Protein backbone atom coordinates (compact mmCIF):
# COMPACT_ATOMS: atom_id res chain seq x y z
CA MET A 1 0.00 0.00 0.00
CA HIS A 2 1.33 3.39 -0.95
CA THR A 3 1.23 6.49 1.24
CA SER A 4 0.36 9.78 -0.40
CA ARG A 5 2.14 13.05 0.36
CA ASN A 6 -0.87 14.21 2.37
CA GLU A 7 -0.68 11.10 4.56
CA LEU A 8 2.87 11.50 5.81
CA PRO A 9 3.32 10.57 9.48
CA SER A 10 2.77 13.46 11.88
CA SER A 11 6.37 13.15 13.10
CA HIS A 12 7.44 14.91 9.88
CA SER A 13 5.48 18.07 10.74
CA PRO A 14 7.30 21.29 11.68
CA PHE A 15 5.58 21.15 15.07
CA HIS A 16 7.09 17.76 15.90
CA ALA A 17 10.48 18.75 14.53
CA THR A 18 10.51 21.84 16.77
CA ALA A 19 9.34 19.80 19.75
CA ALA A 20 12.09 17.23 19.15
CA TRP A 21 14.74 19.97 18.94
CA MET A 22 13.54 21.57 22.19
CA SER A 23 13.42 18.14 23.84
CA GLY A 24 17.04 17.61 22.84
CA LEU A 25 18.01 20.92 24.46
CA ARG A 26 16.20 20.04 27.67
CA MET A 27 17.89 16.63 27.82
CA GLY A 28 21.29 18.33 27.77
CA LYS A 29 22.38 17.19 24.31
CA THR A 30 23.49 20.74 23.57
CA ALA A 31 25.06 22.31 26.66
CA PHE A 32 26.64 25.39 25.08
CA PRO A 33 23.37 27.34 24.51
CA LYS A 34 22.44 26.77 28.16
CA ILE A 35 25.71 28.18 29.41
CA ILE A 36 25.46 31.19 27.10
CA LEU A 37 21.91 31.99 28.25
CA HIS A 38 22.49 31.47 31.96
CA ALA A 39 25.88 33.18 32.20
CA GLY A 40 24.86 36.03 29.91
CA ALA A 41 21.59 36.66 31.74
CA ALA A 42 23.17 36.53 35.21
CA GLY A 43 25.98 38.86 34.16
CA THR A 44 23.59 41.34 32.52
CA ILE A 45 21.20 41.39 35.48
CA PHE A 46 23.90 41.99 38.09
CA TRP A 47 25.62 44.54 35.83
CA GLY A 48 22.32 46.41 35.64
CA PHE A 49 21.96 46.62 39.39
CA HIS A 50 25.61 47.56 39.93
CA SER A 51 25.27 50.31 37.32
CA LEU A 52 22.10 51.57 38.98
CA LYS A 53 24.05 52.30 42.15
CA GLN A 54 26.45 54.49 40.14
CA LEU A 55 23.70 56.78 38.85
CA PRO A 56 22.86 60.15 40.45
CA VAL A 57 19.82 58.68 42.17
CA PRO A 58 17.84 61.31 44.14
CA PRO A 59 19.40 61.52 47.63
CA GLU A 60 16.03 61.09 49.30
CA THR A 61 15.69 57.67 47.64
CA ARG A 62 19.04 56.49 49.01
CA ALA A 63 18.20 57.85 52.47
CA GLN A 64 14.75 56.26 52.66
CA TYR A 65 14.00 53.29 54.86
CA GLY A 66 14.37 50.17 52.73
CA GLY A 67 16.53 51.85 50.09
CA PHE A 68 16.52 50.06 46.74
CA TRP A 69 14.89 47.00 48.36
CA GLN A 70 11.56 48.84 48.42
CA TYR A 71 11.32 48.25 44.68
CA LEU A 72 9.69 45.07 43.44
CA THR A 73 12.00 45.24 40.42
CA ILE A 74 15.11 44.95 42.61
CA GLN A 75 13.72 41.97 44.49
CA GLY A 76 12.69 40.41 41.19
CA ILE A 77 16.05 40.81 39.48
CA TYR A 78 17.94 39.33 42.42
CA LEU A 79 15.67 36.30 42.42
CA ALA A 80 16.07 36.05 38.63
CA GLY A 81 19.84 36.38 38.95
CA LEU A 82 19.92 33.68 41.62
CA THR A 83 17.86 31.41 39.34
CA MET A 84 20.33 31.97 36.50
CA VAL A 85 23.31 31.25 38.77
CA LEU A 86 21.70 28.01 39.96
CA SER A 87 21.01 27.12 36.33
CA LEU A 88 24.65 27.75 35.47
CA LEU A 89 25.75 25.48 38.31
CA LEU A 90 23.43 22.80 36.92
CA ASP A 91 25.05 23.20 33.52
CA VAL A 92 28.38 22.34 35.15
CA PHE A 93 27.03 19.73 37.62
CA PRO A 94 23.95 18.28 35.87
CA SER A 95 23.74 15.21 38.11
CA VAL A 96 23.17 17.13 41.38
CA ASN A 97 19.47 16.49 41.99
CA ALA A 98 19.26 18.89 44.94
CA LEU A 99 20.19 21.78 42.63
CA LYS A 100 17.49 20.72 40.18
CA ILE A 101 14.83 20.74 42.90
CA VAL A 102 15.90 24.14 44.24
CA LYS A 103 16.10 25.65 40.75
CA ARG A 104 12.64 24.33 39.74
CA SER A 105 11.14 25.56 43.01
CA LEU A 106 12.65 29.01 42.52
CA LEU A 107 11.70 29.26 38.85
CA ILE A 108 8.01 28.69 39.58
CA LEU A 109 8.12 31.89 41.66
CA THR A 110 10.60 34.04 39.74
CA LEU A 111 9.18 33.46 36.24
CA PRO A 112 5.67 34.86 36.90
CA LEU A 113 7.07 37.53 39.26
CA ASN A 114 9.41 38.99 36.66
CA ALA A 115 6.81 38.59 33.92
CA ILE A 116 4.37 40.71 35.96
CA ILE A 117 7.08 43.30 36.64
CA SER A 118 7.70 43.66 32.89
CA LEU A 119 3.99 43.64 32.02
CA ILE A 120 3.35 46.46 34.49
CA TYR A 121 6.50 48.47 33.84
CA TRP A 122 6.70 48.75 30.06
CA PRO A 123 3.13 49.95 29.34
CA LEU A 124 3.41 52.49 32.16
CA ILE A 125 6.88 53.74 31.19
CA LEU A 126 5.71 54.24 27.60
CA LEU A 127 2.23 55.65 28.24
CA LEU A 128 2.11 57.00 31.82
CA PRO A 129 5.69 57.42 33.08
CA SER A 130 4.70 59.84 35.84
CA VAL A 131 2.87 57.08 37.74
CA ILE A 132 5.94 54.84 37.98
CA LEU A 133 9.00 57.14 37.88
CA GLN A 134 10.23 59.33 40.69
CA LYS A 135 11.13 62.96 40.11
CA ALA A 136 14.77 63.74 39.40
CA THR A 137 16.76 65.93 41.76
CA GLN A 138 15.97 69.62 41.30
CA LEU A 139 18.75 72.07 40.60
CA PRO A 140 19.13 75.15 42.80
CA GLY A 141 16.67 77.80 41.69
CA ASP A 142 14.32 75.38 39.96
CA SER A 143 10.63 75.53 40.81
CA PRO A 144 8.77 72.28 41.57
CA SER A 145 7.25 72.39 38.10
CA ASP A 146 10.75 72.24 36.60
CA ALA A 147 11.44 68.82 38.12
CA THR A 148 11.78 66.10 35.50
CA LEU A 149 11.24 62.39 35.75
CA PHE A 150 14.21 60.17 36.58
CA TYR A 151 14.67 57.92 33.53
CA LEU A 152 17.17 55.09 33.43
CA PRO A 153 19.58 54.78 30.47
CA LEU A 154 18.04 52.43 27.92
CA GLU A 155 20.65 49.66 28.23
CA MET A 156 20.25 49.65 32.00
CA ASP A 157 16.47 49.76 31.72
CA LEU A 158 16.51 46.69 29.48
CA ALA A 159 18.89 44.87 31.84
CA LEU A 160 16.56 45.47 34.79
CA HIS A 161 13.09 45.31 33.25
CA ALA A 162 13.38 43.09 30.16
CA VAL A 163 16.30 40.66 30.47
CA PRO A 164 15.09 38.92 33.68
CA ALA A 165 11.64 37.99 32.35
CA THR A 166 12.92 37.18 28.86
CA SER A 167 15.79 34.97 30.04
CA LEU A 168 13.58 33.12 32.53
CA ALA A 169 10.98 32.47 29.82
CA LEU A 170 13.64 31.22 27.40
CA ASP A 171 15.10 28.98 30.10
CA PHE A 172 11.66 27.55 30.86
CA PHE A 173 10.66 26.87 27.26
CA LEU A 174 14.04 25.65 25.99
CA PHE A 175 15.63 23.82 28.91
CA GLU A 176 12.94 22.91 31.44
CA ARG A 177 10.02 20.50 31.55
CA LYS A 178 6.57 21.97 31.90
CA TYR A 179 5.16 22.00 35.43
CA SER A 180 2.64 19.47 36.64
CA ARG A 181 -1.02 20.28 37.12
CA HIS A 182 -0.52 20.19 40.90
CA ALA A 183 2.37 22.65 40.72
CA THR A 184 0.52 25.22 38.58
CA ARG A 185 -2.85 24.92 40.33
CA PHE A 186 -1.72 24.69 43.95
CA LEU A 187 1.98 25.39 44.54
CA ALA A 188 2.26 28.46 42.28
CA PRO A 189 -0.82 30.22 43.75
CA LEU A 190 0.41 29.52 47.28
CA LEU A 191 3.85 30.96 46.52
CA SER A 192 2.27 33.97 44.81
CA LEU A 193 -0.02 34.56 47.81
CA ALA A 194 2.91 34.31 50.23
CA TYR A 195 5.10 36.66 48.20
CA THR A 196 2.24 39.13 47.67
CA ALA A 197 1.58 39.21 51.42
CA TRP A 198 5.30 39.68 52.13
CA TYR A 199 5.78 42.48 49.61
CA GLY A 200 2.55 44.21 50.59
CA TRP A 201 3.60 44.18 54.24
CA TRP A 202 7.13 45.29 53.41
CA VAL A 203 6.23 48.18 51.10
CA GLU A 204 3.54 49.42 53.51
CA ARG A 205 6.11 49.37 56.31
CA CYS A 206 8.54 51.32 54.12
CA GLY A 207 5.82 53.84 53.26
CA ALA A 208 4.96 54.35 56.92
CA LYS A 209 8.65 54.83 57.82
CA ASN A 210 9.13 57.27 54.91
CA ASN A 211 6.30 59.68 55.80
CA GLY A 212 3.84 58.23 53.30
CA MET A 213 6.31 58.12 50.40
CA PHE A 214 6.26 54.84 48.49
CA PRO A 215 8.78 53.63 45.90
CA TYR A 216 6.22 54.09 43.10
CA PRO A 217 4.07 57.21 42.67
CA PHE A 218 1.01 55.09 41.83
CA LEU A 219 1.24 53.75 45.38
CA THR A 220 1.97 57.12 46.99
CA ASP A 221 -0.97 58.76 45.23
CA ASN A 222 -3.54 56.13 46.22
CA PRO A 223 -5.20 55.33 49.56
CA PHE A 224 -4.66 52.06 51.38
CA ASP A 225 -7.70 50.26 49.95
CA VAL A 226 -6.60 50.98 46.37
CA ARG A 227 -3.03 49.89 47.17
CA LEU A 228 -4.43 46.69 48.64
CA ALA A 229 -6.35 46.06 45.42
CA ILE A 230 -3.16 46.64 43.40
CA TYR A 231 -1.24 44.09 45.48
CA ALA A 232 -4.06 41.57 45.25
CA GLY A 233 -4.47 42.08 41.50
CA ALA A 234 -0.79 41.51 40.79
CA GLY A 235 -0.74 38.49 43.10
CA LEU A 236 -3.73 36.99 41.27
CA VAL A 237 -2.44 37.61 37.75
CA ALA A 238 1.00 36.07 38.40
CA PRO A 239 -0.09 32.41 38.83
CA LEU A 240 -2.62 32.80 36.00
CA PHE A 241 0.19 33.98 33.73
CA LEU A 242 2.30 30.98 34.75
CA LEU A 243 -0.66 28.73 33.94
CA LEU A 244 -0.80 30.29 30.47
CA LEU A 245 2.95 29.86 29.88
CA ASN A 246 2.80 26.28 31.09
CA SER A 247 -0.05 25.51 28.68
CA LEU A 248 2.07 26.81 25.79
CA HIS A 249 5.03 24.62 26.75
CA PHE A 250 5.73 21.62 24.49
């Protein structure tokens, strides 16, 4: 019996070819791309934060209770950087199961966290920068209306607000297995709830210590009930976004 061109086995489809290639990457058949991604991402993320400390950041920001750690971005990039460092260690020591467990447990938190940071940051920075950026330091003689927003240099902005989410997503899709139903439906929401509660408590404490000044103007300009809704909304969207990414995983 002959097989027509339209009856070729499904394994010849582009979808299956792509899935097979990605499966080969995840199984460690090609280690070099892993090392490039993990080392490059970790180096870029930590370079971004180190460079941030060299900028003429408004003195009041440095002097505030909590310092840079008030910012969700800073917490997110350090968790992303730690995930990349653990991934790099796994590239060198792939048989250490404890590292695999820790990395997978961290990724299920850091991937949606950094995705939400990017999803919030980029639309606001492009459309409503005044709700997310602090005012730059005023020069002597300037009136309050002369104060400009404190923008980051583009390369630093990308290192802090694009590279973490992008590198984590690439790592997940190229080198990791998709998460189980239990992990996405129970573990991820619990981690998101815990981190949301922690950050909400922490940033409210910082605001109280800093005379009502929060790290982001959209928090400073809103009352407590609206801030609470913002925290809850972000905490709800994060595990839903992970569920979406996991459903797209081969």
